Amino acid sequence: MFGARPHPTLTTARLRLRPWREADLAAFAAINADPVVMEHFPSVLERASSDALAERFAEHFDRHGYGLWAVEVPDIAPFIGFVGLAIPRFTAPFTPCVEVGWRLARRYWGQGYATEGARAAVAFGFAEAGLEEIVSFTVPANRRSLAVMERLGMTSEAREDFDHPVLPAGHPLRRHRLYRLRRPV
């Protein structure tokens, strides 16, 4: 099910960003079904939608050589969520682009894992994938993710805030803040 080609593994001081496994699916479904984790998304996901999302992540790796890695904390937890790089599937003024993103199980919030994993993914994006810029975006109310973006050194300008084209006009989560990070000189 997961990936036709080998996917890279990234290691940080505390994390392993690795290819997805069948064994990750139940824990991933639990993360996607948690209304607190999914507060800034249109809805929680049912198991079938969660599994399909993980499969899309693996297909992204096959096409691009990078993607959203499964994250484990060795000797602590075999799977805590995902962190990585993805090409958004919608059209906006800043697309095409590559986004750094993350979603972790709530019990692993507040421990610096999202920032640590995202730093590794960004470093891979610039050094290995040859990207010139990486973006990230979320709703203005998602203070935790905005803080991660700022810790990564990303910057935003209010004039680049945008209405997410997948969400209908008037939807409370439609407005998004865009952050950018250029390849270091």
N, C-alpha and C. Protein backbone atom coordinates (compact mmCIF):
# COMPACT_ATOMS: atom_id res chain seq x y z
N MET A 1 0.83 -1.20 0.00
CA MET A 1 0.00 0.00 0.00
C MET A 1 0.86 1.25 0.00
N PHE A 2 1.95 1.28 0.78
CA PHE A 2 2.70 2.52 0.93
C PHE A 2 3.93 2.56 0.08
N GLY A 3 3.86 3.41 -0.93
CA GLY A 3 5.03 3.78 -1.69
C GLY A 3 5.58 2.70 -2.60
N ALA A 4 5.82 3.10 -3.84
CA ALA A 4 6.42 2.21 -4.82
C ALA A 4 7.94 2.30 -4.78
N ARG A 5 8.46 3.39 -4.23
CA ARG A 5 9.91 3.60 -4.15
C ARG A 5 10.30 3.80 -2.70
N PRO A 6 11.56 3.56 -2.37
CA PRO A 6 12.02 3.86 -1.00
C PRO A 6 11.92 5.37 -0.74
N HIS A 7 11.51 5.72 0.44
CA HIS A 7 11.40 7.12 0.83
C HIS A 7 12.51 7.44 1.83
N PRO A 8 13.03 8.67 1.77
CA PRO A 8 14.10 9.03 2.71
C PRO A 8 13.59 9.03 4.16
N THR A 9 14.51 8.80 5.08
CA THR A 9 14.23 8.91 6.51
C THR A 9 15.11 10.02 7.05
N LEU A 10 14.53 10.88 7.89
CA LEU A 10 15.27 11.97 8.51
C LEU A 10 15.34 11.69 10.01
N THR A 11 16.49 11.97 10.61
CA THR A 11 16.65 11.76 12.04
C THR A 11 17.08 13.08 12.68
N THR A 12 16.42 13.41 13.79
CA THR A 12 16.78 14.59 14.58
C THR A 12 17.24 14.10 15.95
N ALA A 13 17.49 15.03 16.84
CA ALA A 13 17.93 14.65 18.19
C ALA A 13 16.92 13.73 18.88
N ARG A 14 15.62 13.95 18.63
CA ARG A 14 14.61 13.16 19.34
C ARG A 14 13.64 12.41 18.44
N LEU A 15 13.67 12.67 17.15
CA LEU A 15 12.63 12.16 16.25
C LEU A 15 13.20 11.36 15.09
N ARG A 16 12.36 10.51 14.53
CA ARG A 16 12.63 9.86 13.26
C ARG A 16 11.44 10.16 12.35
N LEU A 17 11.73 10.84 11.24
CA LEU A 17 10.73 11.10 10.21
C LEU A 17 10.95 10.02 9.17
N ARG A 18 9.97 9.15 9.00
CA ARG A 18 10.18 7.92 8.24
C ARG A 18 9.01 7.65 7.31
N PRO A 19 9.17 6.68 6.41
CA PRO A 19 8.05 6.27 5.56
C PRO A 19 6.88 5.74 6.40
N TRP A 20 5.71 5.85 5.81
CA TRP A 20 4.49 5.36 6.47
C TRP A 20 4.45 3.84 6.45
N ARG A 21 3.77 3.28 7.48
CA ARG A 21 3.56 1.84 7.60
C ARG A 21 2.08 1.57 7.83
N GLU A 22 1.66 0.38 7.47
CA GLU A 22 0.27 -0.04 7.75
C GLU A 22 -0.06 0.13 9.23
N ALA A 23 0.91 -0.14 10.09
CA ALA A 23 0.69 -0.07 11.54
C ALA A 23 0.40 1.35 12.01
N ASP A 24 0.69 2.36 11.19
CA ASP A 24 0.42 3.75 11.58
C ASP A 24 -1.04 4.15 11.41
N LEU A 25 -1.78 3.41 10.61
CA LEU A 25 -3.10 3.86 10.18
C LEU A 25 -4.10 4.04 11.33
N ALA A 26 -4.15 3.13 12.28
CA ALA A 26 -5.12 3.25 13.37
C ALA A 26 -4.81 4.48 14.23
N ALA A 27 -3.54 4.69 14.55
CA ALA A 27 -3.17 5.86 15.35
C ALA A 27 -3.42 7.16 14.57
N PHE A 28 -3.16 7.13 13.26
CA PHE A 28 -3.42 8.30 12.43
C PHE A 28 -4.91 8.60 12.39
N ALA A 29 -5.73 7.57 12.28
CA ALA A 29 -7.18 7.76 12.28
C ALA A 29 -7.64 8.38 13.60
N ALA A 30 -7.05 7.96 14.70
CA ALA A 30 -7.41 8.53 16.01
C ALA A 30 -7.05 10.02 16.06
N ILE A 31 -5.90 10.39 15.52
CA ILE A 31 -5.50 11.80 15.48
C ILE A 31 -6.51 12.59 14.66
N ASN A 32 -6.87 12.06 13.48
CA ASN A 32 -7.78 12.77 12.58
C ASN A 32 -9.22 12.79 13.08
N ALA A 33 -9.55 11.95 14.03
CA ALA A 33 -10.89 11.92 14.61
C ALA A 33 -10.98 12.78 15.87
N ASP A 34 -9.86 13.32 16.33
CA ASP A 34 -9.84 14.13 17.56
C ASP A 34 -10.30 15.55 17.23
N PRO A 35 -11.44 15.99 17.78
CA PRO A 35 -11.94 17.32 17.44
C PRO A 35 -11.03 18.46 17.90
N VAL A 36 -10.20 18.24 18.91
CA VAL A 36 -9.27 19.28 19.34
C VAL A 36 -8.13 19.41 18.33
N VAL A 37 -7.58 18.29 17.89
CA VAL A 37 -6.53 18.31 16.87
C VAL A 37 -7.06 18.95 15.59
N MET A 38 -8.30 18.64 15.23
CA MET A 38 -8.87 19.08 13.96
C MET A 38 -9.65 20.39 14.07
N GLU A 39 -9.48 21.09 15.17
CA GLU A 39 -10.23 22.33 15.42
C GLU A 39 -10.11 23.34 14.28
N HIS A 40 -8.95 23.43 13.66
CA HIS A 40 -8.73 24.44 12.62
C HIS A 40 -8.84 23.86 11.21
N PHE A 41 -9.50 22.72 11.09
CA PHE A 41 -9.79 22.08 9.81
C PHE A 41 -11.31 22.00 9.67
N PRO A 42 -11.82 21.83 8.45
CA PRO A 42 -13.27 21.83 8.26
C PRO A 42 -14.02 20.75 9.03
N SER A 43 -13.39 19.59 9.24
CA SER A 43 -14.08 18.52 9.97
C SER A 43 -13.06 17.46 10.40
N VAL A 44 -13.50 16.61 11.32
CA VAL A 44 -12.71 15.43 11.65
C VAL A 44 -12.81 14.48 10.46
N LEU A 45 -11.95 13.47 10.43
CA LEU A 45 -11.97 12.51 9.33
C LEU A 45 -12.42 11.14 9.82
N GLU A 46 -13.22 10.48 9.02
CA GLU A 46 -13.57 9.08 9.26
C GLU A 46 -12.37 8.22 8.89
N ARG A 47 -12.36 6.98 9.34
CA ARG A 47 -11.23 6.09 9.12
C ARG A 47 -10.87 5.96 7.64
N ALA A 48 -11.84 5.76 6.77
CA ALA A 48 -11.54 5.57 5.35
C ALA A 48 -10.86 6.80 4.76
N SER A 49 -11.33 7.98 5.14
CA SER A 49 -10.72 9.23 4.64
C SER A 49 -9.31 9.40 5.20
N SER A 50 -9.11 9.03 6.45
CA SER A 50 -7.79 9.10 7.06
C SER A 50 -6.81 8.16 6.35
N ASP A 51 -7.25 6.93 6.08
CA ASP A 51 -6.39 5.97 5.37
C ASP A 51 -6.06 6.47 3.97
N ALA A 52 -7.04 7.05 3.29
CA ALA A 52 -6.81 7.57 1.94
C ALA A 52 -5.81 8.72 1.97
N LEU A 53 -5.87 9.53 3.02
CA LEU A 53 -4.93 10.64 3.16
C LEU A 53 -3.50 10.11 3.32
N ALA A 54 -3.32 9.11 4.15
CA ALA A 54 -1.99 8.51 4.32
C ALA A 54 -1.48 7.93 3.00
N GLU A 55 -2.35 7.32 2.24
CA GLU A 55 -1.95 6.78 0.94
C GLU A 55 -1.54 7.91 -0.01
N ARG A 56 -2.25 9.03 0.02
CA ARG A 56 -1.85 10.19 -0.81
C ARG A 56 -0.48 10.70 -0.40
N PHE A 57 -0.19 10.68 0.91
CA PHE A 57 1.14 11.10 1.36
C PHE A 57 2.22 10.22 0.73
N ALA A 58 2.00 8.91 0.72
CA ALA A 58 2.98 7.99 0.13
C ALA A 58 3.12 8.23 -1.37
N GLU A 59 2.02 8.47 -2.05
CA GLU A 59 2.07 8.74 -3.49
C GLU A 59 2.84 10.04 -3.76
N HIS A 60 2.69 11.03 -2.88
CA HIS A 60 3.42 12.30 -3.04
C HIS A 60 4.92 12.03 -3.00
N PHE A 61 5.37 11.19 -2.05
CA PHE A 61 6.78 10.82 -1.98
C PHE A 61 7.23 10.17 -3.29
N ASP A 62 6.42 9.26 -3.82
CA ASP A 62 6.79 8.58 -5.06
C ASP A 62 6.96 9.57 -6.21
N ARG A 63 6.11 10.57 -6.27
CA ARG A 63 6.17 11.55 -7.36
C ARG A 63 7.27 12.58 -7.18
N HIS A 64 7.53 13.01 -5.94
CA HIS A 64 8.39 14.18 -5.73
C HIS A 64 9.67 13.89 -4.95
N GLY A 65 9.77 12.74 -4.30
CA GLY A 65 10.97 12.43 -3.53
C GLY A 65 10.98 13.02 -2.14
N TYR A 66 9.91 13.70 -1.77
CA TYR A 66 9.71 14.24 -0.42
C TYR A 66 8.22 14.27 -0.16
N GLY A 67 7.86 14.51 1.10
CA GLY A 67 6.44 14.54 1.43
C GLY A 67 6.23 14.70 2.92
N LEU A 68 5.11 14.21 3.39
CA LEU A 68 4.75 14.29 4.80
C LEU A 68 5.13 12.96 5.45
N TRP A 69 6.20 13.01 6.24
CA TRP A 69 6.73 11.81 6.88
C TRP A 69 5.90 11.41 8.10
N ALA A 70 5.83 10.12 8.37
CA ALA A 70 5.33 9.63 9.65
C ALA A 70 6.41 9.95 10.69
N VAL A 71 5.99 10.36 11.88
CA VAL A 71 6.94 10.76 12.92
C VAL A 71 6.86 9.78 14.08
N GLU A 72 8.02 9.31 14.48
CA GLU A 72 8.10 8.48 15.68
C GLU A 72 9.10 9.10 16.64
N VAL A 73 8.90 8.82 17.91
CA VAL A 73 9.84 9.22 18.95
C VAL A 73 10.47 7.92 19.44
N PRO A 74 11.69 7.61 18.98
CA PRO A 74 12.29 6.32 19.33
C PRO A 74 12.29 6.05 20.84
N ASP A 75 11.96 4.83 21.18
CA ASP A 75 11.89 4.35 22.56
C ASP A 75 10.77 4.99 23.38
N ILE A 76 9.95 5.83 22.74
CA ILE A 76 8.83 6.45 23.45
C ILE A 76 7.51 6.16 22.75
N ALA A 77 7.44 6.46 21.44
CA ALA A 77 6.20 6.27 20.70
C ALA A 77 6.51 5.91 19.25
N PRO A 78 5.90 4.84 18.72
CA PRO A 78 6.18 4.42 17.35
C PRO A 78 5.57 5.33 16.29
N PHE A 79 4.55 6.14 16.67
CA PHE A 79 3.90 7.03 15.72
C PHE A 79 3.19 8.13 16.50
N ILE A 80 3.51 9.40 16.18
CA ILE A 80 2.84 10.52 16.87
C ILE A 80 2.15 11.47 15.90
N GLY A 81 2.26 11.22 14.59
CA GLY A 81 1.63 12.08 13.60
C GLY A 81 2.52 12.25 12.39
N PHE A 82 2.40 13.39 11.72
CA PHE A 82 3.22 13.63 10.54
C PHE A 82 3.84 15.01 10.56
N VAL A 83 4.95 15.15 9.86
CA VAL A 83 5.63 16.42 9.61
C VAL A 83 6.27 16.29 8.24
N GLY A 84 6.25 17.38 7.47
CA GLY A 84 6.96 17.30 6.21
C GLY A 84 6.57 18.35 5.21
N LEU A 85 6.81 18.01 3.96
CA LEU A 85 6.65 18.93 2.84
C LEU A 85 5.61 18.40 1.86
N ALA A 86 4.78 19.28 1.35
CA ALA A 86 3.74 18.86 0.41
C ALA A 86 3.46 19.98 -0.59
N ILE A 87 3.04 19.57 -1.76
CA ILE A 87 2.61 20.52 -2.78
C ILE A 87 1.09 20.63 -2.68
N PRO A 88 0.58 21.81 -2.32
CA PRO A 88 -0.88 21.96 -2.22
C PRO A 88 -1.57 21.64 -3.54
N ARG A 89 -2.78 21.09 -3.43
CA ARG A 89 -3.54 20.69 -4.61
C ARG A 89 -4.55 21.72 -5.04
N PHE A 90 -4.47 22.92 -4.50
CA PHE A 90 -5.39 23.99 -4.89
C PHE A 90 -4.62 25.12 -5.55
N THR A 91 -5.35 26.03 -6.16
CA THR A 91 -4.75 27.19 -6.81
C THR A 91 -5.01 28.43 -5.96
N ALA A 92 -3.95 29.18 -5.72
CA ALA A 92 -4.02 30.44 -4.97
C ALA A 92 -2.96 31.37 -5.55
N PRO A 93 -2.94 32.64 -5.15
CA PRO A 93 -1.95 33.56 -5.70
C PRO A 93 -0.50 33.13 -5.49
N PHE A 94 -0.22 32.31 -4.49
CA PHE A 94 1.16 31.91 -4.18
C PHE A 94 1.50 30.51 -4.68
N THR A 95 0.58 29.84 -5.36
CA THR A 95 0.86 28.50 -5.90
C THR A 95 1.32 28.62 -7.34
N PRO A 96 2.10 27.67 -7.84
CA PRO A 96 2.56 26.45 -7.18
C PRO A 96 3.61 26.76 -6.12
N CYS A 97 3.66 25.89 -5.12
CA CYS A 97 4.58 26.09 -4.00
C CYS A 97 4.77 24.76 -3.28
N VAL A 98 5.64 24.77 -2.28
CA VAL A 98 5.80 23.63 -1.39
C VAL A 98 5.54 24.14 0.02
N GLU A 99 4.70 23.41 0.73
CA GLU A 99 4.29 23.78 2.09
C GLU A 99 4.96 22.87 3.10
N VAL A 100 5.39 23.42 4.23
CA VAL A 100 5.79 22.60 5.36
C VAL A 100 4.57 22.52 6.28
N GLY A 101 4.26 21.30 6.72
CA GLY A 101 3.09 21.11 7.57
C GLY A 101 3.31 20.02 8.59
N TRP A 102 2.37 19.93 9.53
CA TRP A 102 2.48 18.96 10.63
C TRP A 102 1.10 18.73 11.21
N ARG A 103 0.94 17.57 11.82
CA ARG A 103 -0.25 17.23 12.61
C ARG A 103 0.19 16.15 13.58
N LEU A 104 0.12 16.47 14.86
CA LEU A 104 0.57 15.53 15.89
C LEU A 104 -0.58 15.19 16.83
N ALA A 105 -0.50 14.01 17.39
CA ALA A 105 -1.46 13.62 18.43
C ALA A 105 -1.36 14.62 19.58
N ARG A 106 -2.48 14.97 20.15
CA ARG A 106 -2.55 16.01 21.18
C ARG A 106 -1.62 15.74 22.36
N ARG A 107 -1.45 14.50 22.74
CA ARG A 107 -0.61 14.22 23.91
C ARG A 107 0.85 14.57 23.67
N TYR A 108 1.23 14.83 22.42
CA TYR A 108 2.62 15.19 22.10
C TYR A 108 2.79 16.67 21.78
N TRP A 109 1.76 17.45 22.01
CA TRP A 109 1.85 18.90 21.81
C TRP A 109 2.69 19.51 22.93
N GLY A 110 3.25 20.67 22.65
CA GLY A 110 3.95 21.44 23.67
C GLY A 110 5.31 20.90 24.05
N GLN A 111 5.86 19.97 23.26
CA GLN A 111 7.15 19.38 23.57
C GLN A 111 8.21 19.74 22.53
N GLY A 112 7.85 20.60 21.59
CA GLY A 112 8.80 21.03 20.57
C GLY A 112 8.95 20.06 19.41
N TYR A 113 8.14 19.00 19.36
CA TYR A 113 8.28 18.02 18.30
C TYR A 113 7.93 18.59 16.92
N ALA A 114 6.87 19.38 16.82
CA ALA A 114 6.49 19.95 15.52
C ALA A 114 7.61 20.83 14.98
N THR A 115 8.17 21.68 15.84
CA THR A 115 9.24 22.56 15.40
C THR A 115 10.48 21.76 15.00
N GLU A 116 10.84 20.79 15.81
CA GLU A 116 12.03 19.98 15.53
C GLU A 116 11.88 19.22 14.22
N GLY A 117 10.74 18.60 14.03
CA GLY A 117 10.50 17.87 12.79
C GLY A 117 10.42 18.79 11.58
N ALA A 118 9.75 19.93 11.75
CA ALA A 118 9.63 20.87 10.64
C ALA A 118 10.99 21.44 10.25
N ARG A 119 11.85 21.69 11.22
CA ARG A 119 13.21 22.16 10.88
C ARG A 119 13.94 21.14 10.02
N ALA A 120 13.81 19.87 10.36
CA ALA A 120 14.46 18.82 9.56
C ALA A 120 13.86 18.77 8.15
N ALA A 121 12.55 18.88 8.05
CA ALA A 121 11.90 18.85 6.74
C ALA A 121 12.31 20.04 5.89
N VAL A 122 12.35 21.22 6.50
CA VAL A 122 12.77 22.43 5.78
C VAL A 122 14.22 22.29 5.31
N ALA A 123 15.09 21.80 6.18
CA ALA A 123 16.49 21.60 5.80
C ALA A 123 16.60 20.64 4.62
N PHE A 124 15.83 19.56 4.64
CA PHE A 124 15.80 18.62 3.53
C PHE A 124 15.30 19.32 2.27
N GLY A 125 14.25 20.11 2.41
CA GLY A 125 13.69 20.80 1.25
C GLY A 125 14.69 21.70 0.55
N PHE A 126 15.46 22.44 1.34
CA PHE A 126 16.45 23.34 0.75
C PHE A 126 17.68 22.58 0.26
N ALA A 127 18.22 21.68 1.08
CA ALA A 127 19.49 21.02 0.74
C ALA A 127 19.34 19.87 -0.25
N GLU A 128 18.31 19.05 -0.07
CA GLU A 128 18.16 17.85 -0.89
C GLU A 128 17.20 18.02 -2.06
N ALA A 129 16.09 18.72 -1.83
CA ALA A 129 15.10 18.89 -2.90
C ALA A 129 15.36 20.13 -3.74
N GLY A 130 16.29 20.98 -3.29
CA GLY A 130 16.65 22.15 -4.07
C GLY A 130 15.60 23.23 -4.13
N LEU A 131 14.74 23.29 -3.14
CA LEU A 131 13.67 24.30 -3.13
C LEU A 131 14.26 25.68 -2.86
N GLU A 132 13.66 26.68 -3.46
CA GLU A 132 14.07 28.07 -3.22
C GLU A 132 13.25 28.72 -2.10
N GLU A 133 12.02 28.23 -1.93
CA GLU A 133 11.13 28.80 -0.92
C GLU A 133 10.20 27.71 -0.40
N ILE A 134 9.84 27.81 0.86
CA ILE A 134 8.86 26.93 1.48
C ILE A 134 7.85 27.82 2.18
N VAL A 135 6.58 27.48 2.06
CA VAL A 135 5.53 28.26 2.69
C VAL A 135 4.83 27.42 3.75
N SER A 136 4.00 28.07 4.53
CA SER A 136 3.10 27.40 5.44
C SER A 136 1.90 28.31 5.63
N PHE A 137 0.78 27.76 5.99
CA PHE A 137 -0.41 28.59 6.17
C PHE A 137 -1.39 27.91 7.11
N THR A 138 -2.17 28.74 7.76
CA THR A 138 -3.23 28.25 8.65
C THR A 138 -4.17 29.40 8.94
N VAL A 139 -5.23 29.11 9.66
CA VAL A 139 -6.16 30.16 10.06
C VAL A 139 -5.52 31.02 11.15
N PRO A 140 -5.85 32.30 11.22
CA PRO A 140 -5.23 33.18 12.22
C PRO A 140 -5.44 32.72 13.67
N ALA A 141 -6.49 31.98 13.95
CA ALA A 141 -6.75 31.51 15.31
C ALA A 141 -5.85 30.35 15.74
N ASN A 142 -5.13 29.75 14.80
CA ASN A 142 -4.30 28.59 15.13
C ASN A 142 -2.95 29.07 15.66
N ARG A 143 -2.98 29.58 16.89
CA ARG A 143 -1.79 30.18 17.50
C ARG A 143 -0.63 29.20 17.63
N ARG A 144 -0.92 27.94 17.92
CA ARG A 144 0.16 26.96 18.07
C ARG A 144 0.95 26.79 16.76
N SER A 145 0.24 26.64 15.65
CA SER A 145 0.94 26.49 14.37
C SER A 145 1.62 27.78 13.94
N LEU A 146 0.99 28.91 14.20
CA LEU A 146 1.65 30.18 13.86
C LEU A 146 2.95 30.33 14.64
N ALA A 147 2.96 29.88 15.88
CA ALA A 147 4.18 29.96 16.69
C ALA A 147 5.27 29.06 16.12
N VAL A 148 4.90 27.88 15.63
CA VAL A 148 5.89 27.00 15.00
C VAL A 148 6.47 27.69 13.77
N MET A 149 5.62 28.27 12.94
CA MET A 149 6.09 28.96 11.74
C MET A 149 7.10 30.06 12.11
N GLU A 150 6.79 30.80 13.16
CA GLU A 150 7.69 31.87 13.58
C GLU A 150 9.00 31.31 14.13
N ARG A 151 8.95 30.20 14.87
CA ARG A 151 10.18 29.58 15.37
C ARG A 151 11.05 29.07 14.23
N LEU A 152 10.43 28.73 13.11
CA LEU A 152 11.17 28.28 11.93
C LEU A 152 11.83 29.45 11.20
N GLY A 153 11.50 30.67 11.61
CA GLY A 153 12.04 31.85 10.93
C GLY A 153 11.19 32.31 9.77
N MET A 154 9.99 31.76 9.65
CA MET A 154 9.10 32.16 8.56
C MET A 154 8.50 33.53 8.88
N THR A 155 8.16 34.25 7.82
CA THR A 155 7.57 35.58 8.00
C THR A 155 6.28 35.68 7.19
N SER A 156 5.43 36.59 7.62
CA SER A 156 4.17 36.81 6.92
C SER A 156 3.94 38.30 6.73
N GLU A 157 3.13 38.61 5.75
CA GLU A 157 2.68 39.98 5.51
C GLU A 157 1.17 39.92 5.37
N ALA A 158 0.48 40.81 6.06
CA ALA A 158 -0.98 40.80 6.07
C ALA A 158 -1.56 40.85 4.66
N ARG A 159 -0.86 41.53 3.75
CA ARG A 159 -1.38 41.65 2.37
C ARG A 159 -1.43 40.30 1.66
N GLU A 160 -0.72 39.28 2.20
CA GLU A 160 -0.74 37.96 1.58
C GLU A 160 -1.74 37.00 2.22
N ASP A 161 -2.46 37.44 3.26
CA ASP A 161 -3.52 36.61 3.81
C ASP A 161 -4.49 36.29 2.67
N PHE A 162 -5.09 35.11 2.70
CA PHE A 162 -5.92 34.69 1.57
C PHE A 162 -7.12 33.88 2.04
N ASP A 163 -8.10 33.81 1.18
CA ASP A 163 -9.27 32.96 1.42
C ASP A 163 -8.98 31.61 0.79
N HIS A 164 -9.01 30.56 1.62
CA HIS A 164 -8.70 29.21 1.14
C HIS A 164 -9.74 28.82 0.10
N PRO A 165 -9.30 28.50 -1.13
CA PRO A 165 -10.26 28.25 -2.21
C PRO A 165 -11.07 26.97 -2.06
N VAL A 166 -10.70 26.08 -1.18
CA VAL A 166 -11.46 24.84 -0.99
C VAL A 166 -12.68 25.08 -0.11
N LEU A 167 -12.66 26.16 0.68
CA LEU A 167 -13.76 26.44 1.60
C LEU A 167 -14.69 27.49 1.02
N PRO A 168 -15.99 27.34 1.23
CA PRO A 168 -16.95 28.28 0.64
C PRO A 168 -16.92 29.65 1.32
N ALA A 169 -17.36 30.65 0.58
CA ALA A 169 -17.47 32.01 1.13
C ALA A 169 -18.30 31.95 2.41
N GLY A 170 -17.86 32.69 3.41
CA GLY A 170 -18.57 32.73 4.68
C GLY A 170 -18.16 31.65 5.67
N HIS A 171 -17.39 30.67 5.23
CA HIS A 171 -16.95 29.61 6.15
C HIS A 171 -16.01 30.24 7.18
N PRO A 172 -16.18 29.91 8.47
CA PRO A 172 -15.36 30.55 9.51
C PRO A 172 -13.86 30.23 9.42
N LEU A 173 -13.47 29.20 8.69
CA LEU A 173 -12.05 28.85 8.56
C LEU A 173 -11.47 29.25 7.20
N ARG A 174 -12.22 30.01 6.42
CA ARG A 174 -11.77 30.31 5.06
C ARG A 174 -10.52 31.20 5.03
N ARG A 175 -10.46 32.21 5.89
CA ARG A 175 -9.33 33.15 5.86
C ARG A 175 -8.09 32.47 6.44
N HIS A 176 -6.97 32.59 5.72
CA HIS A 176 -5.71 31.96 6.12
C HIS A 176 -4.59 32.99 6.10
N ARG A 177 -3.63 32.76 6.95
CA ARG A 177 -2.41 33.56 6.98
C ARG A 177 -1.31 32.75 6.30
N LEU A 178 -0.58 33.39 5.39
CA LEU A 178 0.50 32.76 4.65
C LEU A 178 1.84 33.17 5.25
N TYR A 179 2.71 32.20 5.48
CA TYR A 179 4.08 32.44 5.93
C TYR A 179 5.03 31.93 4.86
N ARG A 180 6.18 32.59 4.74
CA ARG A 180 7.19 32.21 3.74
C ARG A 180 8.56 32.09 4.38
N LEU A 181 9.38 31.21 3.79
CA LEU A 181 10.78 31.07 4.20
C LEU A 181 11.59 30.84 2.93
N ARG A 182 12.55 31.72 2.69
CA ARG A 182 13.43 31.60 1.52
C ARG A 182 14.65 30.75 1.88
N ARG A 183 15.20 30.10 0.87
CA ARG A 183 16.43 29.33 1.04
C ARG A 183 17.51 30.25 1.62
N PRO A 184 18.23 29.77 2.63
CA PRO A 184 19.31 30.61 3.18
C PRO A 184 20.37 30.90 2.11
N VAL A 185 20.92 32.09 2.17
CA VAL A 185 21.94 32.49 1.18
C VAL A 185 23.27 31.87 1.52
